[in-house]
Amino acid sequence: MSTQNPVPGTGGNHYIPYEERTGAESVVYFTRDLSAEGLRKIYQRICQNLTGKTGIKLHTGEPQGPNIIPPPWVESLIQTDLPDASIVETNTYYDGGRYTTEQHRETLKVNGWTFCPVDIMDEEGTTALPVKDGKWFTEMHMGSHILNYDSLFVLTHFKGHTQGGFGGSAKNIGIGCADGRIGKAMIHTTPGSSDQWDIAKEEFMERMMESAKAVVDHFGEHISFVNVLRNMSVSCDCEGVAAQPVVTPNIGILASLDILAIDQASVDLVYALKEEDYHDLVERMESRHGLRQLTYMKELHMGNDRYHLIDIDNGDKEITLQEAVKDVVPFTKE
């Protein structure tokens, strides 16, 4: 395993406050409306470039996973706005309910993803997408069906992650579009190692972000992002019913055309909570050095870590992070 040191000041356990960031600003839309209607409304702000055949990349979860984006929300969005779209997924690197295509399809039924086509993109093998200006890769293996789509709508349940610290839009496509045998192994495991999970902290974040960059570059202007900040366990949805209990309050839904801006804003909103509310999720992010995802995306010129936060609930008013979370209440199980 490589132990290459991160660029000074970019350690993944170090949170960079907004006022210390530099560069241009993107637009991130925000709603507190955690419902099918809220998802449809915010989707309208970032859908203009989703043309042609569109894939919806989301984490469909392990069997009976309690924290995934509610399938009825997605069904409503597809019926009203994306009638010809397909959900797109890939098989997992670990042995679970989505390890093989056959297992994956059974899990999709169990979790309620039965209302539209679901394309398991690596069912028929892989394709290699170029990684431009990467440190670790020159190409990344993706599910071959990714080439069948003109546009990608990245619909992400923002939450913690055992290896990545947190899972946002970049994790959703960086891991979630890589095929289950070659691409995911390139990200997680040193070649020849018997330890499936031996790559961690800064190196893991950088590998994951280079994979995400391959997807973003492939779709160009025809990709957009929504992060749902709800039921945010410190565990990923890949842990299913074994996920740690949710203790972080629900915040809302974000949307942007900038992958870095939306993931940065999601992290910023968590840090803007009261200490007793953000403690567990922030500890998970910092202990895994997950914040390196953000600084490395900036180094790769994938977007901006500064943004205008636009409240679509109140006439598209620009608001502060503190205003966005001021009415957040401690988490209670729905």
C-alpha atoms as a PDB file:
ATOM      1  CA  MET A   1       0.000   0.000   0.000  1.00  0.00           C
ATOM      2  CA  SER A   2       1.250   3.450  -0.856  1.00  0.00           C
ATOM      3  CA  THR A   3       1.824   5.884   1.989  1.00  0.00           C
ATOM      4  CA  GLN A   4       2.285   8.953  -0.165  1.00  0.00           C
ATOM      5  CA  ASN A   5       1.807  12.111   1.859  1.00  0.00           C
ATOM      6  CA  PRO A   6      -0.986  14.513   0.946  1.00  0.00           C
ATOM      7  CA  VAL A   7      -0.322  18.010  -0.293  1.00  0.00           C
ATOM      8  CA  PRO A   8       0.341  20.262   2.743  1.00  0.00           C
ATOM      9  CA  GLY A   9      -2.900  21.672   4.105  1.00  0.00           C
ATOM     10  CA  THR A  10      -5.058  19.077   2.340  1.00  0.00           C
ATOM     11  CA  GLY A  11      -5.079  16.337   4.957  1.00  0.00           C
ATOM     12  CA  GLY A  12      -8.437  14.635   4.929  1.00  0.00           C
ATOM     13  CA  ASN A  13      -8.931  15.048   8.675  1.00  0.00           C
ATOM     14  CA  HIS A  14      -8.749  18.855   8.414  1.00  0.00           C
ATOM     15  CA  TYR A  15     -11.896  20.892   7.735  1.00  0.00           C
ATOM     16  CA  ILE A  16     -11.247  24.089   5.776  1.00  0.00           C
ATOM     17  CA  PRO A  17     -13.675  26.877   6.774  1.00  0.00           C
ATOM     18  CA  TYR A  18     -15.396  28.755   3.967  1.00  0.00           C
ATOM     19  CA  GLU A  19     -13.482  31.977   4.573  1.00  0.00           C
ATOM     20  CA  GLU A  20     -10.177  30.169   3.989  1.00  0.00           C
ATOM     21  CA  ARG A  21     -11.161  28.933   0.513  1.00  0.00           C
ATOM     22  CA  THR A  22     -10.334  30.729  -2.700  1.00  0.00           C
ATOM     23  CA  GLY A  23     -11.549  30.732  -6.272  1.00  0.00           C
ATOM     24  CA  ALA A  24     -14.804  31.085  -8.151  1.00  0.00           C
ATOM     25  CA  GLU A  25     -18.262  30.360  -6.763  1.00  0.00           C
ATOM     26  CA  SER A  26     -20.880  27.979  -8.129  1.00  0.00           C
ATOM     27  CA  VAL A  27     -24.616  27.797  -7.407  1.00  0.00           C
ATOM     28  CA  VAL A  28     -26.095  25.243  -5.022  1.00  0.00           C
ATOM     29  CA  TYR A  29     -29.874  25.095  -4.577  1.00  0.00           C
ATOM     30  CA  PHE A  30     -31.432  24.146  -1.233  1.00  0.00           C
ATOM     31  CA  THR A  31     -34.831  23.041   0.023  1.00  0.00           C
ATOM     32  CA  ARG A  32     -35.925  21.870   3.455  1.00  0.00           C
ATOM     33  CA  ASP A  33     -38.769  19.908   1.839  1.00  0.00           C
ATOM     34  CA  LEU A  34     -37.789  16.279   2.314  1.00  0.00           C
ATOM     35  CA  SER A  35     -40.542  14.740   0.226  1.00  0.00           C
ATOM     36  CA  ALA A  36     -41.293  13.564  -3.282  1.00  0.00           C
ATOM     37  CA  GLU A  37     -42.534  17.068  -4.062  1.00  0.00           C
ATOM     38  CA  GLY A  38     -39.365  18.656  -2.684  1.00  0.00           C
ATOM     39  CA  LEU A  39     -37.244  16.368  -4.839  1.00  0.00           C
ATOM     40  CA  ARG A  40     -39.253  17.206  -7.954  1.00  0.00           C
ATOM     41  CA  LYS A  41     -39.039  20.945  -7.312  1.00  0.00           C
ATOM     42  CA  ILE A  42     -35.289  21.031  -6.787  1.00  0.00           C
ATOM     43  CA  TYR A  43     -34.695  18.706  -9.737  1.00  0.00           C
ATOM     44  CA  GLN A  44     -36.213  21.363 -11.986  1.00  0.00           C
ATOM     45  CA  ARG A  45     -33.304  23.684 -11.160  1.00  0.00           C
ATOM     46  CA  ILE A  46     -30.613  21.397 -12.587  1.00  0.00           C
ATOM     47  CA  CYS A  47     -32.300  19.328 -15.290  1.00  0.00           C
ATOM     48  CA  GLN A  48     -31.866  21.522 -18.365  1.00  0.00           C
ATOM     49  CA  ASN A  49     -28.820  19.723 -19.756  1.00  0.00           C
ATOM     50  CA  LEU A  50     -30.163  16.216 -19.198  1.00  0.00           C
ATOM     51  CA  THR A  51     -30.941  15.380 -22.787  1.00  0.00           C
ATOM     52  CA  GLY A  52     -31.277  12.177 -24.770  1.00  0.00           C
ATOM     53  CA  LYS A  53     -31.153   8.834 -22.974  1.00  0.00           C
ATOM     54  CA  THR A  54     -30.730   9.559 -19.260  1.00  0.00           C
ATOM     55  CA  GLY A  55     -29.465   7.287 -16.510  1.00  0.00           C
ATOM     56  CA  ILE A  56     -30.297   7.940 -12.862  1.00  0.00           C
ATOM     57  CA  LYS A  57     -27.355   6.882 -10.700  1.00  0.00           C
ATOM     58  CA  LEU A  58     -28.476   6.159  -7.166  1.00  0.00           C
ATOM     59  CA  HIS A  59     -27.579   3.735  -4.409  1.00  0.00           C
ATOM     60  CA  THR A  60     -30.397   1.184  -4.369  1.00  0.00           C
ATOM     61  CA  GLY A  61     -29.088  -0.357  -1.136  1.00  0.00           C
ATOM     62  CA  GLU A  62     -28.532  -3.756   0.396  1.00  0.00           C
ATOM     63  CA  PRO A  63     -31.634  -5.824   1.250  1.00  0.00           C
ATOM     64  CA  GLN A  64     -34.045  -4.031   3.600  1.00  0.00           C
ATOM     65  CA  GLY A  65     -31.644  -1.117   4.054  1.00  0.00           C
ATOM     66  CA  PRO A  66     -33.537   1.406   6.201  1.00  0.00           C
ATOM     67  CA  ASN A  67     -31.954   4.675   5.108  1.00  0.00           C
ATOM     68  CA  ILE A  68     -32.021   4.704   1.287  1.00  0.00           C
ATOM     69  CA  ILE A  69     -33.815   7.431  -0.626  1.00  0.00           C
ATOM     70  CA  PRO A  70     -37.477   6.347  -0.509  1.00  0.00           C
ATOM     71  CA  PRO A  71     -38.348   4.571  -3.771  1.00  0.00           C
ATOM     72  CA  PRO A  72     -41.752   6.337  -3.978  1.00  0.00           C
ATOM     73  CA  TRP A  73     -39.923   9.682  -4.231  1.00  0.00           C
ATOM     74  CA  VAL A  74     -37.949   8.411  -7.195  1.00  0.00           C
ATOM     75  CA  GLU A  75     -41.013   6.827  -8.764  1.00  0.00           C
ATOM     76  CA  SER A  76     -42.842  10.151  -8.577  1.00  0.00           C
ATOM     77  CA  LEU A  77     -39.899  11.981 -10.158  1.00  0.00           C
ATOM     78  CA  ILE A  78     -39.648   9.479 -12.994  1.00  0.00           C
ATOM     79  CA  GLN A  79     -43.384   9.574 -13.696  1.00  0.00           C
ATOM     80  CA  THR A  80     -43.485  13.362 -13.863  1.00  0.00           C
ATOM     81  CA  ASP A  81     -40.069  14.383 -15.209  1.00  0.00           C
ATOM     82  CA  LEU A  82     -38.049  11.394 -16.466  1.00  0.00           C
ATOM     83  CA  PRO A  83     -40.490   8.910 -18.001  1.00  0.00           C
ATOM     84  CA  ASP A  84     -37.893   7.314 -20.277  1.00  0.00           C
ATOM     85  CA  ALA A  85     -35.024   7.159 -17.779  1.00  0.00           C
ATOM     86  CA  SER A  86     -33.427   4.070 -16.270  1.00  0.00           C
ATOM     87  CA  ILE A  87     -31.869   3.661 -12.848  1.00  0.00           C
ATOM     88  CA  VAL A  88     -28.239   2.627 -13.336  1.00  0.00           C
ATOM     89  CA  GLU A  89     -26.163   0.578 -10.909  1.00  0.00           C
ATOM     90  CA  THR A  90     -23.168  -1.768 -10.848  1.00  0.00           C
ATOM     91  CA  ASN A  91     -22.455  -4.910  -8.873  1.00  0.00           C
ATOM     92  CA  THR A  92     -20.499  -4.714  -5.638  1.00  0.00           C
ATOM     93  CA  TYR A  93     -16.877  -5.585  -4.895  1.00  0.00           C
ATOM     94  CA  TYR A  94     -17.823  -7.191  -1.577  1.00  0.00           C
ATOM     95  CA  ASP A  95     -19.890 -10.368  -1.252  1.00  0.00           C
ATOM     96  CA  GLY A  96     -23.409  -9.284  -0.338  1.00  0.00           C
ATOM     97  CA  GLY A  97     -26.870  -8.886  -1.743  1.00  0.00           C
ATOM     98  CA  ARG A  98     -25.633  -7.183  -4.914  1.00  0.00           C
ATOM     99  CA  TYR A  99     -22.434  -9.146  -5.639  1.00  0.00           C
ATOM    100  CA  THR A 100     -23.755 -10.901  -8.741  1.00  0.00           C
ATOM    101  CA  THR A 101     -26.282  -9.622 -11.248  1.00  0.00           C
ATOM    102  CA  GLU A 102     -28.754 -12.327 -10.185  1.00  0.00           C
ATOM    103  CA  GLN A 103     -28.420 -11.398  -6.500  1.00  0.00           C
ATOM    104  CA  HIS A 104     -28.585  -7.729  -7.385  1.00  0.00           C
ATOM    105  CA  ARG A 105     -31.878  -8.119  -9.237  1.00  0.00           C
ATOM    106  CA  GLU A 106     -33.428  -9.949  -6.288  1.00  0.00           C
ATOM    107  CA  THR A 107     -32.337  -7.166  -3.938  1.00  0.00           C
ATOM    108  CA  LEU A 108     -33.822  -4.552  -6.269  1.00  0.00           C
ATOM    109  CA  LYS A 109     -37.185  -6.318  -5.942  1.00  0.00           C
ATOM    110  CA  VAL A 110     -36.887  -6.548  -2.155  1.00  0.00           C
ATOM    111  CA  ASN A 111     -36.113  -2.826  -1.861  1.00  0.00           C
ATOM    112  CA  GLY A 112     -38.919  -1.707  -4.161  1.00  0.00           C
ATOM    113  CA  TRP A 113     -37.015  -0.635  -7.267  1.00  0.00           C
ATOM    114  CA  THR A 114     -39.583  -2.222  -9.564  1.00  0.00           C
ATOM    115  CA  PHE A 115     -41.282   0.776 -11.177  1.00  0.00           C
ATOM    116  CA  CYS A 116     -38.785   1.474 -13.971  1.00  0.00           C
ATOM    117  CA  PRO A 117     -35.924  -0.257 -15.792  1.00  0.00           C
ATOM    118  CA  VAL A 118     -32.795  -0.815 -13.697  1.00  0.00           C
ATOM    119  CA  ASP A 119     -29.649  -1.240 -15.761  1.00  0.00           C
ATOM    120  CA  ILE A 120     -26.858  -3.109 -13.993  1.00  0.00           C
ATOM    121  CA  MET A 121     -24.200  -1.527 -16.120  1.00  0.00           C
ATOM    122  CA  ASP A 122     -21.489  -4.157 -15.664  1.00  0.00           C
ATOM    123  CA  GLU A 123     -23.780  -7.088 -16.418  1.00  0.00           C
ATOM    124  CA  GLU A 124     -22.067  -7.455 -19.793  1.00  0.00           C
ATOM    125  CA  GLY A 125     -18.552  -6.397 -18.854  1.00  0.00           C
ATOM    126  CA  THR A 126     -16.575  -3.199 -18.672  1.00  0.00           C
ATOM    127  CA  THR A 127     -15.357  -0.229 -20.625  1.00  0.00           C
ATOM    128  CA  ALA A 128     -12.330   1.903 -19.767  1.00  0.00           C
ATOM    129  CA  LEU A 129     -12.912   5.646 -19.481  1.00  0.00           C
ATOM    130  CA  PRO A 130      -9.858   7.940 -19.498  1.00  0.00           C
ATOM    131  CA  VAL A 131      -8.736   9.651 -16.300  1.00  0.00           C
ATOM    132  CA  LYS A 132      -7.236  13.011 -17.215  1.00  0.00           C
ATOM    133  CA  ASP A 133      -4.371  14.360 -15.092  1.00  0.00           C
ATOM    134  CA  GLY A 134      -4.681  11.595 -12.518  1.00  0.00           C
ATOM    135  CA  LYS A 135      -2.012  10.652  -9.999  1.00  0.00           C
ATOM    136  CA  TRP A 136      -3.090   7.027  -9.656  1.00  0.00           C
ATOM    137  CA  PHE A 137      -4.843   6.146 -12.908  1.00  0.00           C
ATOM    138  CA  THR A 138      -4.860   6.864 -16.616  1.00  0.00           C
ATOM    139  CA  GLU A 139      -8.158   5.024 -17.046  1.00  0.00           C
ATOM    140  CA  MET A 140     -10.928   3.529 -14.935  1.00  0.00           C
ATOM    141  CA  HIS A 141     -13.035   0.490 -15.717  1.00  0.00           C
ATOM    142  CA  MET A 142     -16.768   1.206 -15.652  1.00  0.00           C
ATOM    143  CA  GLY A 143     -19.813  -0.897 -16.334  1.00  0.00           C
ATOM    144  CA  SER A 144     -19.910  -1.091 -20.136  1.00  0.00           C
ATOM    145  CA  HIS A 145     -23.506   0.111 -20.378  1.00  0.00           C
ATOM    146  CA  ILE A 146     -22.439   3.586 -19.261  1.00  0.00           C
ATOM    147  CA  LEU A 147     -21.732   4.216 -22.944  1.00  0.00           C
ATOM    148  CA  ASN A 148     -25.435   3.750 -23.722  1.00  0.00           C
ATOM    149  CA  TYR A 149     -26.411   7.000 -21.982  1.00  0.00           C
ATOM    150  CA  ASP A 150     -26.281  10.585 -23.190  1.00  0.00           C
ATOM    151  CA  SER A 151     -26.850  12.129 -19.755  1.00  0.00           C
ATOM    152  CA  LEU A 152     -26.480  11.161 -16.106  1.00  0.00           C
ATOM    153  CA  PHE A 153     -28.590  12.377 -13.188  1.00  0.00           C
ATOM    154  CA  VAL A 154     -26.657  11.648  -9.993  1.00  0.00           C
ATOM    155  CA  LEU A 155     -29.194  11.242  -7.194  1.00  0.00           C
ATOM    156  CA  THR A 156     -27.329  10.662  -3.944  1.00  0.00           C
ATOM    157  CA  HIS A 157     -28.224   9.823  -0.386  1.00  0.00           C
ATOM    158  CA  PHE A 158     -25.587  11.805   1.509  1.00  0.00           C
ATOM    159  CA  LYS A 159     -24.378   9.893   4.580  1.00  0.00           C
ATOM    160  CA  GLY A 160     -21.316   8.568   6.335  1.00  0.00           C
ATOM    161  CA  HIS A 161     -19.133   5.798   4.983  1.00  0.00           C
ATOM    162  CA  THR A 162     -16.927   3.253   6.751  1.00  0.00           C
ATOM    163  CA  GLN A 163     -14.014   3.664   4.332  1.00  0.00           C
ATOM    164  CA  GLY A 164     -14.661   7.040   2.702  1.00  0.00           C
ATOM    165  CA  GLY A 165     -15.773   9.028   5.747  1.00  0.00           C
ATOM    166  CA  PHE A 166     -18.781  10.263   3.837  1.00  0.00           C
ATOM    167  CA  GLY A 167     -20.577   9.361   0.651  1.00  0.00           C
ATOM    168  CA  GLY A 168     -21.737  12.192  -1.586  1.00  0.00           C
ATOM    169  CA  SER A 169     -22.182  12.646  -5.308  1.00  0.00           C
ATOM    170  CA  ALA A 170     -18.526  11.879  -6.032  1.00  0.00           C
ATOM    171  CA  LYS A 171     -18.598   8.601  -4.142  1.00  0.00           C
ATOM    172  CA  ASN A 172     -21.895   7.690  -5.809  1.00  0.00           C
ATOM    173  CA  ILE A 173     -20.308   7.788  -9.265  1.00  0.00           C
ATOM    174  CA  GLY A 174     -16.663   7.138  -8.380  1.00  0.00           C
ATOM    175  CA  ILE A 175     -17.452   3.817  -6.731  1.00  0.00           C
ATOM    176  CA  GLY A 176     -20.945   3.322  -8.081  1.00  0.00           C
ATOM    177  CA  CYS A 177     -20.135   3.438 -11.800  1.00  0.00           C
ATOM    178  CA  ALA A 178     -16.920   1.411 -11.524  1.00  0.00           C
ATOM    179  CA  ASP A 179     -17.602  -2.223 -12.314  1.00  0.00           C
ATOM    180  CA  GLY A 180     -17.695  -4.718  -9.483  1.00  0.00           C
ATOM    181  CA  ARG A 181     -14.585  -6.724 -10.336  1.00  0.00           C
ATOM    182  CA  ILE A 182     -11.964  -4.556 -12.073  1.00  0.00           C
ATOM    183  CA  GLY A 183     -12.783  -0.899 -11.429  1.00  0.00           C
ATOM    184  CA  LYS A 184     -13.731  -1.232  -7.778  1.00  0.00           C
ATOM    185  CA  ALA A 185     -10.639  -3.377  -7.182  1.00  0.00           C
ATOM    186  CA  MET A 186      -8.466  -0.652  -8.729  1.00  0.00           C
ATOM    187  CA  ILE A 187      -9.842   1.825  -6.189  1.00  0.00           C
ATOM    188  CA  HIS A 188      -9.885  -0.369  -3.073  1.00  0.00           C
ATOM    189  CA  THR A 189      -7.004  -2.810  -3.312  1.00  0.00           C
ATOM    190  CA  THR A 190      -3.281  -2.693  -4.041  1.00  0.00           C
ATOM    191  CA  PRO A 191      -2.574  -5.095  -6.941  1.00  0.00           C
ATOM    192  CA  GLY A 192      -1.481  -8.468  -5.578  1.00  0.00           C
ATOM    193  CA  SER A 193      -2.704  -7.737  -2.055  1.00  0.00           C
ATOM    194  CA  SER A 194      -4.824 -10.296  -0.237  1.00  0.00           C
ATOM    195  CA  ASP A 195      -6.503  -7.507   1.746  1.00  0.00           C
ATOM    196  CA  GLN A 196      -9.557  -6.348  -0.183  1.00  0.00           C
ATOM    197  CA  TRP A 197      -9.695  -3.060   1.749  1.00  0.00           C
ATOM    198  CA  ASP A 198      -6.023  -2.174   2.186  1.00  0.00           C
ATOM    199  CA  ILE A 199      -6.177   1.274   0.585  1.00  0.00           C
ATOM    200  CA  ALA A 200      -7.488   3.923   2.963  1.00  0.00           C
ATOM    201  CA  LYS A 201      -7.427   7.579   3.950  1.00  0.00           C
ATOM    202  CA  GLU A 202      -5.864  10.044   1.478  1.00  0.00           C
ATOM    203  CA  GLU A 203      -4.945   7.497  -1.157  1.00  0.00           C
ATOM    204  CA  PHE A 204      -8.390   5.936  -1.165  1.00  0.00           C
ATOM    205  CA  MET A 205     -10.074   9.339  -1.474  1.00  0.00           C
ATOM    206  CA  GLU A 206      -7.816  10.309  -4.362  1.00  0.00           C
ATOM    207  CA  ARG A 207      -8.419   7.066  -6.240  1.00  0.00           C
ATOM    208  CA  MET A 208     -12.161   7.414  -5.742  1.00  0.00           C
ATOM    209  CA  MET A 209     -12.146  11.018  -6.963  1.00  0.00           C
ATOM    210  CA  GLU A 210     -10.140  10.136 -10.076  1.00  0.00           C
ATOM    211  CA  SER A 211     -12.784   7.543 -10.896  1.00  0.00           C
ATOM    212  CA  ALA A 212     -15.496  10.165 -10.372  1.00  0.00           C
ATOM    213  CA  LYS A 213     -13.603  12.546 -12.643  1.00  0.00           C
ATOM    214  CA  ALA A 214     -13.658   9.964 -15.433  1.00  0.00           C
ATOM    215  CA  VAL A 215     -17.466   9.896 -15.226  1.00  0.00           C
ATOM    216  CA  VAL A 216     -17.840  13.680 -15.012  1.00  0.00           C
ATOM    217  CA  ASP A 217     -15.522  14.207 -17.963  1.00  0.00           C
ATOM    218  CA  HIS A 218     -17.338  11.550 -19.991  1.00  0.00           C
ATOM    219  CA  PHE A 219     -20.723  13.260 -19.656  1.00  0.00           C
ATOM    220  CA  GLY A 220     -19.428  16.833 -19.842  1.00  0.00           C
ATOM    221  CA  GLU A 221     -22.321  19.299 -19.553  1.00  0.00           C
ATOM    222  CA  HIS A 222     -24.862  16.476 -19.502  1.00  0.00           C
ATOM    223  CA  ILE A 223     -24.591  15.591 -15.817  1.00  0.00           C
ATOM    224  CA  SER A 224     -26.263  17.069 -12.754  1.00  0.00           C
ATOM    225  CA  PHE A 225     -26.345  16.319  -9.048  1.00  0.00           C
ATOM    226  CA  VAL A 226     -28.816  16.112  -6.161  1.00  0.00           C
ATOM    227  CA  ASN A 227     -27.808  15.202  -2.583  1.00  0.00           C
ATOM    228  CA  VAL A 228     -30.520  14.171  -0.101  1.00  0.00           C
ATOM    229  CA  LEU A 229     -29.429  14.959   3.480  1.00  0.00           C
ATOM    230  CA  ARG A 230     -31.824  12.632   5.288  1.00  0.00           C
ATOM    231  CA  ASN A 231     -31.354   9.564   7.535  1.00  0.00           C
ATOM    232  CA  MET A 232     -27.617  10.243   7.619  1.00  0.00           C
ATOM    233  CA  SER A 233     -26.119   7.299   9.469  1.00  0.00           C
ATOM    234  CA  VAL A 234     -22.338   7.158   9.814  1.00  0.00           C
ATOM    235  CA  SER A 235     -22.737   3.932   7.827  1.00  0.00           C
ATOM    236  CA  CYS A 236     -23.193   3.645   4.077  1.00  0.00           C
ATOM    237  CA  ASP A 237     -26.315   2.110   2.568  1.00  0.00           C
ATOM    238  CA  CYS A 238     -24.021  -0.765   1.543  1.00  0.00           C
ATOM    239  CA  GLU A 239     -24.270  -1.912   5.178  1.00  0.00           C
ATOM    240  CA  GLY A 240     -28.023  -2.441   4.909  1.00  0.00           C
ATOM    241  CA  VAL A 241     -29.716  -3.463   8.149  1.00  0.00           C
ATOM    242  CA  ALA A 242     -26.318  -3.483   9.904  1.00  0.00           C
ATOM    243  CA  ALA A 243     -25.987   0.302   9.507  1.00  0.00           C
ATOM    244  CA  GLN A 244     -25.378   2.277  12.682  1.00  0.00           C
ATOM    245  CA  PRO A 245     -28.452   4.065  14.086  1.00  0.00           C
ATOM    246  CA  VAL A 246     -29.101   7.524  12.693  1.00  0.00           C
ATOM    247  CA  VAL A 247     -28.379  10.348  15.151  1.00  0.00           C
ATOM    248  CA  THR A 248     -27.661  13.260  12.763  1.00  0.00           C
ATOM    249  CA  PRO A 249     -30.682  15.517  12.112  1.00  0.00           C
ATOM    250  CA  ASN A 250     -32.308  15.656   8.693  1.00  0.00           C
ATOM    251  CA  ILE A 251     -31.367  18.864   6.853  1.00  0.00           C
ATOM    252  CA  GLY A 252     -32.844  19.000   3.348  1.00  0.00           C
ATOM    253  CA  ILE A 253     -32.026  18.485  -0.319  1.00  0.00           C
ATOM    254  CA  LEU A 254     -29.273  20.144  -2.378  1.00  0.00           C
ATOM    255  CA  ALA A 255     -28.890  20.408  -6.151  1.00  0.00           C
ATOM    256  CA  SER A 256     -26.101  21.713  -8.366  1.00  0.00           C
ATOM    257  CA  LEU A 257     -24.355  21.364 -11.692  1.00  0.00           C
ATOM    258  CA  ASP A 258     -21.018  21.368  -9.808  1.00  0.00           C
ATOM    259  CA  ILE A 259     -20.026  18.092  -8.146  1.00  0.00           C
ATOM    260  CA  LEU A 260     -17.484  19.656  -5.813  1.00  0.00           C
ATOM    261  CA  ALA A 261     -19.798  22.476  -4.775  1.00  0.00           C
ATOM    262  CA  ILE A 262     -22.651  20.113  -3.863  1.00  0.00           C
ATOM    263  CA  ASP A 263     -20.483  17.738  -1.847  1.00  0.00           C
ATOM    264  CA  GLN A 264     -18.716  20.653  -0.143  1.00  0.00           C
ATOM    265  CA  ALA A 265     -22.044  22.295   0.702  1.00  0.00           C
ATOM    266  CA  SER A 266     -23.355  19.008   2.099  1.00  0.00           C
ATOM    267  CA  VAL A 267     -20.314  18.704   4.369  1.00  0.00           C
ATOM    268  CA  ASP A 268     -20.578  22.387   5.322  1.00  0.00           C
ATOM    269  CA  LEU A 269     -24.220  21.994   6.346  1.00  0.00           C
ATOM    270  CA  VAL A 270     -23.301  19.117   8.647  1.00  0.00           C
ATOM    271  CA  TYR A 271     -20.537  21.197  10.228  1.00  0.00           C
ATOM    272  CA  ALA A 272     -23.041  24.070  10.638  1.00  0.00           C
ATOM    273  CA  LEU A 273     -25.189  21.961  12.978  1.00  0.00           C
ATOM    274  CA  LYS A 274     -24.875  22.100  16.748  1.00  0.00           C
ATOM    275  CA  GLU A 275     -21.892  20.137  18.038  1.00  0.00           C
ATOM    276  CA  GLU A 276     -24.051  17.524  19.731  1.00  0.00           C
ATOM    277  CA  ASP A 277     -25.878  16.961  16.441  1.00  0.00           C
ATOM    278  CA  TYR A 278     -22.881  16.811  14.102  1.00  0.00           C
ATOM    279  CA  HIS A 279     -20.428  15.011  16.404  1.00  0.00           C
ATOM    280  CA  ASP A 280     -20.812  11.442  15.172  1.00  0.00           C
ATOM    281  CA  LEU A 281     -20.880  12.173  11.456  1.00  0.00           C
ATOM    282  CA  VAL A 282     -18.004  14.666  11.640  1.00  0.00           C
ATOM    283  CA  GLU A 283     -15.962  12.154  13.638  1.00  0.00           C
ATOM    284  CA  ARG A 284     -16.568   9.582  10.911  1.00  0.00           C
ATOM    285  CA  MET A 285     -15.508  12.040   8.166  1.00  0.00           C
ATOM    286  CA  GLU A 286     -12.353  13.183   9.914  1.00  0.00           C
ATOM    287  CA  SER A 287     -11.216   9.824  11.312  1.00  0.00           C
ATOM    288  CA  ARG A 288     -11.294   8.322   7.807  1.00  0.00           C
ATOM    289  CA  HIS A 289      -9.695  11.457   6.297  1.00  0.00           C
ATOM    290  CA  GLY A 290     -12.753  11.760   4.070  1.00  0.00           C
ATOM    291  CA  LEU A 291     -12.387  15.519   3.605  1.00  0.00           C
ATOM    292  CA  ARG A 292      -9.557  14.770   1.199  1.00  0.00           C
ATOM    293  CA  GLN A 293     -12.301  14.030  -1.322  1.00  0.00           C
ATOM    294  CA  LEU A 294     -13.034  17.752  -1.454  1.00  0.00           C
ATOM    295  CA  THR A 295      -9.515  19.143  -1.689  1.00  0.00           C
ATOM    296  CA  TYR A 296      -8.516  16.581  -4.304  1.00  0.00           C
ATOM    297  CA  MET A 297     -11.550  17.374  -6.452  1.00  0.00           C
ATOM    298  CA  LYS A 298     -10.424  20.980  -6.356  1.00  0.00           C
ATOM    299  CA  GLU A 299      -6.875  19.995  -7.376  1.00  0.00           C
ATOM    300  CA  LEU A 300      -8.348  18.012 -10.262  1.00  0.00           C
ATOM    301  CA  HIS A 301     -10.338  21.096 -11.357  1.00  0.00           C
ATOM    302  CA  MET A 302     -13.629  19.259 -10.965  1.00  0.00           C
ATOM    303  CA  GLY A 303     -15.468  22.277  -9.558  1.00  0.00           C
ATOM    304  CA  ASN A 304     -15.511  25.011  -6.936  1.00  0.00           C
ATOM    305  CA  ASP A 305     -15.537  24.690  -3.159  1.00  0.00           C
ATOM    306  CA  ARG A 306     -17.156  28.138  -2.865  1.00  0.00           C
ATOM    307  CA  TYR A 307     -20.795  28.624  -3.789  1.00  0.00           C
ATOM    308  CA  HIS A 308     -23.968  30.662  -3.472  1.00  0.00           C
ATOM    309  CA  LEU A 309     -26.535  28.720  -1.415  1.00  0.00           C
ATOM    310  CA  ILE A 310     -29.944  29.495  -2.923  1.00  0.00           C
ATOM    311  CA  ASP A 311     -33.059  28.808  -0.828  1.00  0.00           C
ATOM    312  CA  ILE A 312     -35.812  27.754  -3.264  1.00  0.00           C
ATOM    313  CA  ASP A 313     -38.349  27.668  -0.418  1.00  0.00           C
ATOM    314  CA  ASN A 314     -38.113  31.447  -0.012  1.00  0.00           C
ATOM    315  CA  GLY A 315     -38.032  33.063  -3.430  1.00  0.00           C
ATOM    316  CA  ASP A 316     -34.544  31.941  -4.429  1.00  0.00           C
ATOM    317  CA  LYS A 317     -32.958  34.000  -1.680  1.00  0.00           C
ATOM    318  CA  GLU A 318     -29.260  33.492  -1.035  1.00  0.00           C
ATOM    319  CA  ILE A 319     -28.794  32.288   2.525  1.00  0.00           C
ATOM    320  CA  THR A 320     -25.991  31.377   4.901  1.00  0.00           C
ATOM    321  CA  LEU A 321     -25.299  27.894   6.171  1.00  0.00           C
ATOM    322  CA  GLN A 322     -26.499  28.957   9.606  1.00  0.00           C
ATOM    323  CA  GLU A 323     -29.805  30.162   8.147  1.00  0.00           C
ATOM    324  CA  ALA A 324     -30.222  26.865   6.343  1.00  0.00           C
ATOM    325  CA  VAL A 325     -29.950  24.802   9.533  1.00  0.00           C
ATOM    326  CA  LYS A 326     -31.439  27.175  12.110  1.00  0.00           C
ATOM    327  CA  ASP A 327     -34.744  25.280  12.308  1.00  0.00           C
ATOM    328  CA  VAL A 328     -33.240  21.801  12.172  1.00  0.00           C
ATOM    329  CA  VAL A 329     -34.515  19.622  15.002  1.00  0.00           C
ATOM    330  CA  PRO A 330     -32.704  16.687  16.622  1.00  0.00           C
ATOM    331  CA  PHE A 331     -33.184  13.444  14.724  1.00  0.00           C
ATOM    332  CA  THR A 332     -36.247  11.373  15.505  1.00  0.00           C
ATOM    333  CA  LYS A 333     -36.932   8.139  13.679  1.00  0.00           C
ATOM    334  CA  GLU A 334     -39.769   8.472  11.179  1.00  0.00           C
END
